[in-house]
Every structure is written in structure tokens, then in C-alpha cells.
Amino acid sequence: REVAKEELLLALKPVEGPLRDKFFRNMSSRAAESLKEDMETRGPVKLSDVESAQQNILKTVQRLAGEGRVALGGKGEEQMV
């Protein structure tokens, strides 16, 4: 809800396996299916666009964690997402 579909599409485009599956499992089946279809029909994307989308998502997660709206795991100062 905090991340635009286009940004999520770009960030996940090169991701495969368990990490991608985890994202899809945490979405509604309809939203996951729609995103999968969009990823399949989208042609190649610039690596710089992927990295920018991933950084924006990370900033959003860190902001939400700072607001106490999500919890991040990890030990000490190290944050896991």
C-alpha cells in the first residue's frame, strides 16, 4: 500500500526464487497474479531503474519501522529487511 505497483514491479523484476515467492505470498492472490503478469509482459528494464526502485522501497520500509508501523528483525544496530 505504501509502495506503488510500478516500483514494486521494477524492484522485483530481476529477483527470482524464495525472495520473490515471499513477496507474492504476502500479497493478495489477485494482486500477486496481476504483478506476475505485468512482470512477464514487461520487457527488459534498466538496472539503474531497478536499483532506484529497490532503494525507494528500502527507504519506505525504514520510515515505516521508524514510525513503529513495521518491525524489522536483526541484532543490535544491524537491520534486516
C-alpha atoms as a PDB file:
ATOM      1  CA  ARG A   1       0.000   0.000   0.000  1.00  0.00           C
ATOM      2  CA  GLU A   2       2.904   2.303   0.683  1.00  0.00           C
ATOM      3  CA  VAL A   3       4.788   1.238  -2.458  1.00  0.00           C
ATOM      4  CA  ALA A   4       3.487   1.881  -5.966  1.00  0.00           C
ATOM      5  CA  LYS A   5       2.884  -1.199  -8.117  1.00  0.00           C
ATOM      6  CA  GLU A   6       5.281   0.086 -10.790  1.00  0.00           C
ATOM      7  CA  GLU A   7       8.048   0.494  -8.220  1.00  0.00           C
ATOM      8  CA  LEU A   8       7.467  -2.998  -6.866  1.00  0.00           C
ATOM      9  CA  LEU A   9       7.476  -4.377 -10.407  1.00  0.00           C
ATOM     10  CA  LEU A  10      10.838  -2.763 -11.149  1.00  0.00           C
ATOM     11  CA  ALA A  11      12.370  -3.835  -7.832  1.00  0.00           C
ATOM     12  CA  LEU A  12      11.296  -7.478  -8.192  1.00  0.00           C
ATOM     13  CA  LYS A  13      11.898  -7.876 -11.940  1.00  0.00           C
ATOM     14  CA  PRO A  14      15.400  -9.408 -11.606  1.00  0.00           C
ATOM     15  CA  VAL A  15      14.639 -11.243  -8.339  1.00  0.00           C
ATOM     16  CA  GLU A  16      13.984 -14.983  -8.505  1.00  0.00           C
ATOM     17  CA  GLY A  17      13.326 -17.872  -6.169  1.00  0.00           C
ATOM     18  CA  PRO A  18      12.431 -17.728  -2.485  1.00  0.00           C
ATOM     19  CA  LEU A  19      12.674 -13.952  -2.094  1.00  0.00           C
ATOM     20  CA  ARG A  20      10.250 -13.267  -4.945  1.00  0.00           C
ATOM     21  CA  ASP A  21       7.948 -16.029  -3.682  1.00  0.00           C
ATOM     22  CA  LYS A  22       7.913 -14.461  -0.217  1.00  0.00           C
ATOM     23  CA  PHE A  23       6.693 -11.163  -1.637  1.00  0.00           C
ATOM     24  CA  PHE A  24       3.930 -12.906  -3.574  1.00  0.00           C
ATOM     25  CA  ARG A  25       2.827 -14.940  -0.538  1.00  0.00           C
ATOM     26  CA  ASN A  26       2.353 -11.722   1.407  1.00  0.00           C
ATOM     27  CA  MET A  27       0.093 -10.180  -1.235  1.00  0.00           C
ATOM     28  CA  SER A  28      -3.494 -10.992  -2.090  1.00  0.00           C
ATOM     29  CA  SER A  29      -3.661 -13.697  -4.754  1.00  0.00           C
ATOM     30  CA  ARG A  30      -5.236 -11.242  -7.183  1.00  0.00           C
ATOM     31  CA  ALA A  31      -2.549  -8.595  -6.645  1.00  0.00           C
ATOM     32  CA  ALA A  32       0.228 -11.197  -6.888  1.00  0.00           C
ATOM     33  CA  GLU A  33      -1.185 -12.628 -10.114  1.00  0.00           C
ATOM     34  CA  SER A  34      -1.548  -9.164 -11.627  1.00  0.00           C
ATOM     35  CA  LEU A  35       2.030  -8.266 -10.703  1.00  0.00           C
ATOM     36  CA  LYS A  36       3.354 -11.565 -12.105  1.00  0.00           C
ATOM     37  CA  GLU A  37       1.561 -10.944 -15.400  1.00  0.00           C
ATOM     38  CA  ASP A  38       2.910  -7.401 -15.611  1.00  0.00           C
ATOM     39  CA  MET A  39       6.436  -8.656 -14.909  1.00  0.00           C
ATOM     40  CA  GLU A  40       6.160 -11.276 -17.652  1.00  0.00           C
ATOM     41  CA  THR A  41       4.884  -8.842 -20.270  1.00  0.00           C
ATOM     42  CA  ARG A  42       7.323  -6.080 -19.360  1.00  0.00           C
ATOM     43  CA  GLY A  43      10.432  -6.174 -21.465  1.00  0.00           C
ATOM     44  CA  PRO A  44      13.946  -5.574 -20.189  1.00  0.00           C
ATOM     45  CA  VAL A  45      14.371  -2.749 -17.689  1.00  0.00           C
ATOM     46  CA  LYS A  46      17.378  -0.589 -16.884  1.00  0.00           C
ATOM     47  CA  LEU A  47      19.471  -1.767 -13.958  1.00  0.00           C
ATOM     48  CA  SER A  48      19.563   1.825 -12.687  1.00  0.00           C
ATOM     49  CA  ASP A  49      15.731   1.842 -12.576  1.00  0.00           C
ATOM     50  CA  VAL A  50      15.739  -1.442 -10.644  1.00  0.00           C
ATOM     51  CA  GLU A  51      18.287  -0.151  -8.134  1.00  0.00           C
ATOM     52  CA  SER A  52      16.403   3.123  -7.694  1.00  0.00           C
ATOM     53  CA  ALA A  53      13.126   1.281  -7.043  1.00  0.00           C
ATOM     54  CA  GLN A  54      14.832  -1.034  -4.548  1.00  0.00           C
ATOM     55  CA  GLN A  55      16.361   1.938  -2.703  1.00  0.00           C
ATOM     56  CA  ASN A  56      12.999   3.725  -2.578  1.00  0.00           C
ATOM     57  CA  ILE A  57      11.340   0.626  -1.139  1.00  0.00           C
ATOM     58  CA  LEU A  58      14.100   0.277   1.457  1.00  0.00           C
ATOM     59  CA  LYS A  59      13.628   3.925   2.485  1.00  0.00           C
ATOM     60  CA  THR A  60       9.883   3.346   2.799  1.00  0.00           C
ATOM     61  CA  VAL A  61      10.428   0.278   4.998  1.00  0.00           C
ATOM     62  CA  GLN A  62      12.892   2.164   7.186  1.00  0.00           C
ATOM     63  CA  ARG A  63      10.422   5.062   7.549  1.00  0.00           C
ATOM     64  CA  LEU A  64       7.609   2.673   8.486  1.00  0.00           C
ATOM     65  CA  ALA A  65       9.888   0.997  11.024  1.00  0.00           C
ATOM     66  CA  GLY A  66      10.753   4.390  12.499  1.00  0.00           C
ATOM     67  CA  GLU A  67       7.036   5.117  12.837  1.00  0.00           C
ATOM     68  CA  GLY A  68       6.525   1.754  14.539  1.00  0.00           C
ATOM     69  CA  ARG A  69       4.247   0.507  11.748  1.00  0.00           C
ATOM     70  CA  VAL A  70       6.503  -2.449  10.860  1.00  0.00           C
ATOM     71  CA  ALA A  71       9.105  -4.389  12.816  1.00  0.00           C
ATOM     72  CA  LEU A  72      12.476  -5.277  11.385  1.00  0.00           C
ATOM     73  CA  GLY A  73      14.388  -8.306  12.655  1.00  0.00           C
ATOM     74  CA  GLY A  74      18.082  -8.459  13.363  1.00  0.00           C
ATOM     75  CA  LYS A  75      20.542  -7.955  16.204  1.00  0.00           C
ATOM     76  CA  GLY A  76      21.803  -4.705  17.612  1.00  0.00           C
ATOM     77  CA  GLU A  77      22.330  -1.978  15.053  1.00  0.00           C
ATOM     78  CA  GLU A  78      22.037  -4.328  12.103  1.00  0.00           C
ATOM     79  CA  GLN A  79      18.671  -4.119  10.355  1.00  0.00           C
ATOM     80  CA  MET A  80      17.231  -6.923   8.285  1.00  0.00           C
ATOM     81  CA  VAL A  81      14.561  -6.429   5.619  1.00  0.00           C
END
